[in-house]
Amino acid sequence: MIQEQGFTELAPRPVGPYSQGCKSAGFVFVSGQGPLDPATGRICAPDIASQTRQVLTNIRHILTSMRATMKDVVKTTVIITDAKDFAAMNEVYKEFFAEPYPARTTFIGQLVIPGMLVEIDATAQTDKWHWE
């Protein structure tokens, strides 16, 4: 059951029937974010480092709008379109997360928007464990 839907103008508007993020059972779930500049709605740059930085900035803004931080993130899923971009993506990723790092799954795959090199989603824990 969704307890709260998140939205901020500081991240791209959803391009389909989904929320930027939602909160349920003490967790915040941030939908997969691409490297879209929220001011223009366009991909921010053609390189993986810039795109990863934009994606993680978008995630940080969504988390903030839902009273969470990057330190609350417990799991991410990363999709990149080319394995050769893994090291550069990883370097930027380390700018946003500190030890203990969240659990992570990384895939190589095709993304929906042409020119998009990376997409990341995140799950953050904001409340103590509780059972419904």
N, C-alpha and C. Protein backbone atom coordinates (compact mmCIF):
# COMPACT_ATOMS: atom_id res chain seq x y z
N MET A 1 0.83 -1.18 0.00
CA MET A 1 0.00 0.00 0.00
C MET A 1 0.88 1.24 0.00
N ILE A 2 0.69 2.11 -0.96
CA ILE A 2 1.46 3.36 -1.03
C ILE A 2 0.92 4.33 0.01
N GLN A 3 1.82 4.80 0.86
CA GLN A 3 1.43 5.75 1.90
C GLN A 3 1.61 7.19 1.45
N GLU A 4 2.55 7.40 0.53
CA GLU A 4 2.85 8.76 0.09
C GLU A 4 3.48 8.70 -1.30
N GLN A 5 3.07 9.60 -2.16
CA GLN A 5 3.65 9.72 -3.49
C GLN A 5 4.58 10.93 -3.48
N GLY A 6 5.76 10.77 -4.03
CA GLY A 6 6.72 11.88 -4.06
C GLY A 6 6.72 12.61 -5.39
N PHE A 7 7.05 13.88 -5.32
CA PHE A 7 7.23 14.68 -6.54
C PHE A 7 8.05 15.91 -6.22
N THR A 8 8.97 16.24 -7.10
CA THR A 8 9.73 17.48 -7.02
C THR A 8 9.99 18.01 -8.42
N GLU A 9 9.95 19.32 -8.55
CA GLU A 9 10.28 19.97 -9.82
C GLU A 9 11.78 19.90 -10.11
N LEU A 10 12.58 19.51 -9.10
CA LEU A 10 14.03 19.45 -9.25
C LEU A 10 14.50 18.17 -9.92
N ALA A 11 13.55 17.29 -10.26
CA ALA A 11 13.84 16.06 -11.00
C ALA A 11 12.89 16.01 -12.19
N PRO A 12 13.24 15.23 -13.21
CA PRO A 12 12.37 15.16 -14.39
C PRO A 12 10.97 14.64 -14.06
N ARG A 13 9.99 15.20 -14.74
CA ARG A 13 8.62 14.71 -14.60
C ARG A 13 8.54 13.30 -15.19
N PRO A 14 7.75 12.43 -14.60
CA PRO A 14 7.57 11.09 -15.18
C PRO A 14 7.06 11.19 -16.62
N VAL A 15 7.54 10.29 -17.47
CA VAL A 15 7.11 10.27 -18.87
C VAL A 15 6.09 9.17 -19.12
N GLY A 16 5.57 8.60 -18.05
CA GLY A 16 4.58 7.54 -18.17
C GLY A 16 3.78 7.44 -16.88
N PRO A 17 3.01 6.37 -16.76
CA PRO A 17 2.14 6.20 -15.59
C PRO A 17 2.90 5.63 -14.39
N TYR A 18 3.77 6.44 -13.81
CA TYR A 18 4.52 6.05 -12.61
C TYR A 18 4.86 7.30 -11.82
N SER A 19 5.21 7.10 -10.56
CA SER A 19 5.59 8.20 -9.68
C SER A 19 7.11 8.37 -9.70
N GLN A 20 7.58 9.58 -9.44
CA GLN A 20 9.02 9.76 -9.24
C GLN A 20 9.48 8.86 -8.11
N GLY A 21 8.67 8.81 -7.07
CA GLY A 21 8.96 7.95 -5.93
C GLY A 21 7.71 7.75 -5.11
N CYS A 22 7.74 6.74 -4.27
CA CYS A 22 6.63 6.52 -3.35
C CYS A 22 7.18 5.93 -2.06
N LYS A 23 6.40 6.12 -1.00
CA LYS A 23 6.80 5.62 0.31
C LYS A 23 5.78 4.60 0.77
N SER A 24 6.29 3.49 1.31
CA SER A 24 5.43 2.46 1.85
C SER A 24 6.21 1.65 2.86
N ALA A 25 5.59 1.36 3.99
CA ALA A 25 6.16 0.49 5.02
C ALA A 25 7.56 0.94 5.45
N GLY A 26 7.79 2.24 5.51
CA GLY A 26 9.07 2.75 5.99
C GLY A 26 10.16 2.80 4.94
N PHE A 27 9.81 2.51 3.69
CA PHE A 27 10.79 2.56 2.61
C PHE A 27 10.37 3.59 1.57
N VAL A 28 11.35 4.22 0.95
CA VAL A 28 11.11 5.09 -0.20
C VAL A 28 11.65 4.36 -1.43
N PHE A 29 10.81 4.25 -2.44
CA PHE A 29 11.19 3.61 -3.69
C PHE A 29 11.26 4.69 -4.77
N VAL A 30 12.44 4.92 -5.32
CA VAL A 30 12.62 5.92 -6.36
C VAL A 30 12.62 5.20 -7.70
N SER A 31 11.73 5.62 -8.59
CA SER A 31 11.67 5.03 -9.93
C SER A 31 12.97 5.24 -10.67
N GLY A 32 13.22 4.37 -11.64
CA GLY A 32 14.42 4.50 -12.46
C GLY A 32 14.53 5.90 -13.03
N GLN A 33 15.68 6.52 -12.80
CA GLN A 33 15.93 7.87 -13.28
C GLN A 33 16.96 7.85 -14.40
N GLY A 34 16.66 8.60 -15.45
CA GLY A 34 17.61 8.76 -16.54
C GLY A 34 18.34 10.08 -16.39
N PRO A 35 19.24 10.36 -17.31
CA PRO A 35 20.07 11.57 -17.23
C PRO A 35 19.39 12.80 -17.80
N LEU A 36 18.12 12.98 -17.48
CA LEU A 36 17.38 14.12 -18.03
C LEU A 36 17.54 15.34 -17.12
N ASP A 37 17.84 16.45 -17.74
CA ASP A 37 17.89 17.72 -17.04
C ASP A 37 16.45 18.15 -16.79
N PRO A 38 16.06 18.33 -15.53
CA PRO A 38 14.65 18.67 -15.25
C PRO A 38 14.21 20.00 -15.85
N ALA A 39 15.15 20.91 -16.09
CA ALA A 39 14.80 22.22 -16.66
C ALA A 39 14.46 22.13 -18.14
N THR A 40 15.12 21.21 -18.86
CA THR A 40 14.93 21.12 -20.31
C THR A 40 14.19 19.86 -20.74
N GLY A 41 14.22 18.83 -19.89
CA GLY A 41 13.63 17.55 -20.27
C GLY A 41 14.48 16.77 -21.24
N ARG A 42 15.71 17.22 -21.45
CA ARG A 42 16.61 16.57 -22.42
C ARG A 42 17.79 15.90 -21.71
N ILE A 43 18.41 14.97 -22.41
CA ILE A 43 19.60 14.32 -21.86
C ILE A 43 20.67 15.38 -21.64
N CYS A 44 21.29 15.33 -20.47
CA CYS A 44 22.19 16.40 -20.02
C CYS A 44 23.49 16.49 -20.80
N ALA A 45 24.05 15.36 -21.25
CA ALA A 45 25.35 15.34 -21.92
C ALA A 45 25.53 13.97 -22.57
N PRO A 46 26.49 13.85 -23.50
CA PRO A 46 26.66 12.59 -24.20
C PRO A 46 27.58 11.58 -23.50
N ASP A 47 28.22 11.94 -22.37
CA ASP A 47 29.19 11.03 -21.74
C ASP A 47 28.61 10.38 -20.49
N ILE A 48 29.12 9.20 -20.17
CA ILE A 48 28.59 8.42 -19.04
C ILE A 48 28.81 9.11 -17.70
N ALA A 49 29.93 9.78 -17.49
CA ALA A 49 30.18 10.43 -16.20
C ALA A 49 29.15 11.53 -15.94
N SER A 50 28.92 12.39 -16.91
CA SER A 50 27.94 13.47 -16.74
C SER A 50 26.54 12.91 -16.58
N GLN A 51 26.21 11.89 -17.36
CA GLN A 51 24.88 11.29 -17.26
C GLN A 51 24.67 10.64 -15.89
N THR A 52 25.68 9.94 -15.39
CA THR A 52 25.55 9.31 -14.07
C THR A 52 25.37 10.36 -12.99
N ARG A 53 26.12 11.44 -13.08
CA ARG A 53 26.01 12.53 -12.10
C ARG A 53 24.60 13.12 -12.12
N GLN A 54 24.03 13.32 -13.31
CA GLN A 54 22.67 13.87 -13.41
C GLN A 54 21.65 12.89 -12.83
N VAL A 55 21.79 11.61 -13.15
CA VAL A 55 20.88 10.59 -12.64
C VAL A 55 20.88 10.60 -11.11
N LEU A 56 22.07 10.58 -10.51
CA LEU A 56 22.17 10.53 -9.06
C LEU A 56 21.73 11.83 -8.40
N THR A 57 21.91 12.93 -9.07
CA THR A 57 21.39 14.21 -8.58
C THR A 57 19.87 14.19 -8.59
N ASN A 58 19.28 13.66 -9.66
CA ASN A 58 17.82 13.53 -9.73
C ASN A 58 17.31 12.65 -8.59
N ILE A 59 17.99 11.53 -8.34
CA ILE A 59 17.58 10.64 -7.26
C ILE A 59 17.68 11.36 -5.92
N ARG A 60 18.77 12.09 -5.70
CA ARG A 60 18.94 12.81 -4.43
C ARG A 60 17.80 13.81 -4.21
N HIS A 61 17.40 14.53 -5.27
CA HIS A 61 16.30 15.49 -5.14
C HIS A 61 14.97 14.80 -4.81
N ILE A 62 14.72 13.67 -5.42
CA ILE A 62 13.48 12.93 -5.13
C ILE A 62 13.51 12.44 -3.69
N LEU A 63 14.63 11.88 -3.26
CA LEU A 63 14.74 11.44 -1.87
C LEU A 63 14.50 12.60 -0.91
N THR A 64 15.12 13.74 -1.17
CA THR A 64 14.96 14.91 -0.31
C THR A 64 13.49 15.32 -0.22
N SER A 65 12.79 15.26 -1.35
CA SER A 65 11.37 15.63 -1.34
C SER A 65 10.53 14.68 -0.49
N MET A 66 11.09 13.51 -0.20
CA MET A 66 10.38 12.51 0.59
C MET A 66 11.03 12.32 1.97
N ARG A 67 11.80 13.33 2.38
CA ARG A 67 12.45 13.34 3.69
C ARG A 67 13.42 12.18 3.88
N ALA A 68 14.20 11.90 2.86
CA ALA A 68 15.23 10.87 2.92
C ALA A 68 16.52 11.43 2.32
N THR A 69 17.60 10.72 2.51
CA THR A 69 18.90 11.14 1.98
C THR A 69 19.57 9.97 1.27
N MET A 70 20.68 10.27 0.62
CA MET A 70 21.46 9.22 -0.03
C MET A 70 21.99 8.24 1.02
N LYS A 71 22.20 8.69 2.25
CA LYS A 71 22.67 7.80 3.32
C LYS A 71 21.61 6.77 3.70
N ASP A 72 20.35 7.03 3.38
CA ASP A 72 19.27 6.11 3.68
C ASP A 72 19.11 5.02 2.63
N VAL A 73 19.79 5.15 1.49
CA VAL A 73 19.64 4.19 0.39
C VAL A 73 20.24 2.85 0.79
N VAL A 74 19.45 1.80 0.63
CA VAL A 74 19.90 0.45 0.97
C VAL A 74 20.10 -0.43 -0.26
N LYS A 75 19.54 -0.04 -1.42
CA LYS A 75 19.64 -0.85 -2.63
C LYS A 75 19.49 0.02 -3.86
N THR A 76 20.32 -0.23 -4.86
CA THR A 76 20.16 0.42 -6.16
C THR A 76 20.22 -0.62 -7.26
N THR A 77 19.64 -0.28 -8.38
CA THR A 77 19.79 -1.06 -9.60
C THR A 77 20.31 -0.10 -10.66
N VAL A 78 21.40 -0.48 -11.31
CA VAL A 78 22.03 0.35 -12.33
C VAL A 78 21.94 -0.38 -13.66
N ILE A 79 21.51 0.33 -14.68
CA ILE A 79 21.52 -0.21 -16.04
C ILE A 79 22.39 0.71 -16.87
N ILE A 80 23.42 0.14 -17.51
CA ILE A 80 24.24 0.91 -18.45
C ILE A 80 24.16 0.22 -19.81
N THR A 81 24.37 0.98 -20.86
CA THR A 81 24.21 0.42 -22.20
C THR A 81 25.48 -0.20 -22.75
N ASP A 82 26.62 0.07 -22.12
CA ASP A 82 27.89 -0.45 -22.64
C ASP A 82 28.82 -0.80 -21.47
N ALA A 83 29.32 -2.02 -21.46
CA ALA A 83 30.20 -2.47 -20.37
C ALA A 83 31.45 -1.62 -20.25
N LYS A 84 31.90 -1.01 -21.33
CA LYS A 84 33.11 -0.18 -21.26
C LYS A 84 32.90 1.07 -20.42
N ASP A 85 31.65 1.42 -20.14
CA ASP A 85 31.34 2.60 -19.32
C ASP A 85 31.28 2.29 -17.83
N PHE A 86 31.44 1.01 -17.44
CA PHE A 86 31.27 0.63 -16.05
C PHE A 86 32.21 1.39 -15.11
N ALA A 87 33.48 1.44 -15.42
CA ALA A 87 34.45 2.08 -14.51
C ALA A 87 34.14 3.57 -14.32
N ALA A 88 33.82 4.27 -15.40
CA ALA A 88 33.51 5.71 -15.30
C ALA A 88 32.23 5.93 -14.51
N MET A 89 31.22 5.08 -14.73
CA MET A 89 29.98 5.19 -13.96
C MET A 89 30.28 4.96 -12.48
N ASN A 90 31.10 3.96 -12.20
CA ASN A 90 31.42 3.60 -10.82
C ASN A 90 32.15 4.73 -10.09
N GLU A 91 33.02 5.45 -10.78
CA GLU A 91 33.75 6.57 -10.16
C GLU A 91 32.78 7.66 -9.72
N VAL A 92 31.82 7.99 -10.55
CA VAL A 92 30.83 9.01 -10.19
C VAL A 92 29.92 8.47 -9.08
N TYR A 93 29.54 7.22 -9.18
CA TYR A 93 28.67 6.59 -8.16
C TYR A 93 29.28 6.76 -6.77
N LYS A 94 30.60 6.60 -6.66
CA LYS A 94 31.29 6.73 -5.37
C LYS A 94 31.26 8.16 -4.83
N GLU A 95 30.99 9.15 -5.68
CA GLU A 95 30.86 10.53 -5.21
C GLU A 95 29.56 10.73 -4.41
N PHE A 96 28.58 9.88 -4.64
CA PHE A 96 27.25 10.05 -4.04
C PHE A 96 26.99 9.10 -2.87
N PHE A 97 27.77 8.03 -2.77
CA PHE A 97 27.56 7.04 -1.71
C PHE A 97 28.87 6.79 -0.97
N ALA A 98 28.74 6.57 0.34
CA ALA A 98 29.90 6.26 1.18
C ALA A 98 29.68 4.90 1.83
N GLU A 99 30.74 4.34 2.34
CA GLU A 99 30.63 3.07 3.05
C GLU A 99 29.81 3.24 4.32
N PRO A 100 29.00 2.31 4.68
CA PRO A 100 28.75 1.07 3.96
C PRO A 100 27.86 1.35 2.73
N TYR A 101 28.34 0.92 1.58
CA TYR A 101 27.61 1.18 0.34
C TYR A 101 26.30 0.40 0.31
N PRO A 102 25.30 0.93 -0.42
CA PRO A 102 24.06 0.16 -0.58
C PRO A 102 24.33 -1.10 -1.41
N ALA A 103 23.48 -2.09 -1.24
CA ALA A 103 23.52 -3.25 -2.14
C ALA A 103 23.22 -2.74 -3.55
N ARG A 104 23.77 -3.43 -4.56
CA ARG A 104 23.58 -2.94 -5.93
C ARG A 104 23.56 -4.10 -6.91
N THR A 105 22.74 -3.97 -7.92
CA THR A 105 22.74 -4.86 -9.07
C THR A 105 23.00 -4.00 -10.29
N THR A 106 23.90 -4.46 -11.17
CA THR A 106 24.22 -3.70 -12.39
C THR A 106 23.97 -4.59 -13.60
N PHE A 107 23.26 -4.03 -14.57
CA PHE A 107 22.96 -4.72 -15.82
C PHE A 107 23.53 -3.95 -17.00
N ILE A 108 23.82 -4.67 -18.06
CA ILE A 108 24.10 -4.06 -19.36
C ILE A 108 22.83 -4.28 -20.17
N GLY A 109 22.24 -3.21 -20.70
CA GLY A 109 21.00 -3.38 -21.45
C GLY A 109 20.67 -2.17 -22.30
N GLN A 110 19.62 -2.30 -23.05
CA GLN A 110 19.13 -1.22 -23.90
C GLN A 110 18.17 -0.35 -23.10
N LEU A 111 18.29 0.96 -23.25
CA LEU A 111 17.40 1.89 -22.56
C LEU A 111 16.43 2.50 -23.55
N VAL A 112 15.30 2.97 -23.05
CA VAL A 112 14.19 3.41 -23.89
C VAL A 112 14.50 4.67 -24.69
N ILE A 113 15.14 5.65 -24.07
CA ILE A 113 15.38 6.93 -24.74
C ILE A 113 16.72 6.89 -25.47
N PRO A 114 16.75 7.15 -26.77
CA PRO A 114 18.01 7.16 -27.51
C PRO A 114 19.01 8.15 -26.90
N GLY A 115 20.25 7.73 -26.78
CA GLY A 115 21.29 8.58 -26.22
C GLY A 115 21.48 8.42 -24.73
N MET A 116 20.53 7.74 -24.09
CA MET A 116 20.64 7.47 -22.65
C MET A 116 21.63 6.35 -22.44
N LEU A 117 22.64 6.60 -21.59
CA LEU A 117 23.67 5.61 -21.32
C LEU A 117 23.50 4.92 -19.98
N VAL A 118 22.68 5.49 -19.09
CA VAL A 118 22.54 4.95 -17.74
C VAL A 118 21.16 5.27 -17.16
N GLU A 119 20.65 4.34 -16.38
CA GLU A 119 19.43 4.54 -15.61
C GLU A 119 19.65 3.87 -14.25
N ILE A 120 19.19 4.52 -13.19
CA ILE A 120 19.37 3.98 -11.84
C ILE A 120 18.07 4.16 -11.06
N ASP A 121 17.70 3.12 -10.30
CA ASP A 121 16.62 3.27 -9.33
C ASP A 121 17.20 3.07 -7.94
N ALA A 122 16.44 3.43 -6.91
CA ALA A 122 16.96 3.34 -5.54
C ALA A 122 15.84 3.02 -4.56
N THR A 123 16.21 2.31 -3.51
CA THR A 123 15.32 2.05 -2.39
C THR A 123 16.01 2.54 -1.14
N ALA A 124 15.29 3.35 -0.36
CA ALA A 124 15.84 3.89 0.89
C ALA A 124 14.96 3.47 2.05
N GLN A 125 15.58 3.23 3.19
CA GLN A 125 14.82 2.92 4.42
C GLN A 125 14.76 4.19 5.25
N THR A 126 13.55 4.61 5.58
CA THR A 126 13.40 5.87 6.31
C THR A 126 12.87 5.70 7.71
N ASP A 127 12.31 4.57 8.03
CA ASP A 127 11.76 4.33 9.36
C ASP A 127 12.38 3.05 9.92
N LYS A 128 12.26 2.90 11.21
CA LYS A 128 12.68 1.63 11.83
C LYS A 128 11.79 0.52 11.30
N TRP A 129 12.29 -0.69 11.38
CA TRP A 129 11.50 -1.83 10.92
C TRP A 129 10.16 -1.85 11.63
N HIS A 130 9.13 -2.09 10.86
CA HIS A 130 7.83 -2.33 11.46
C HIS A 130 7.06 -3.29 10.55
N TRP A 131 6.14 -3.95 11.11
CA TRP A 131 5.39 -4.96 10.37
C TRP A 131 3.93 -4.54 10.29
N GLU A 132 3.40 -4.66 9.10
CA GLU A 132 1.98 -4.31 8.91
C GLU A 132 1.14 -5.56 8.83
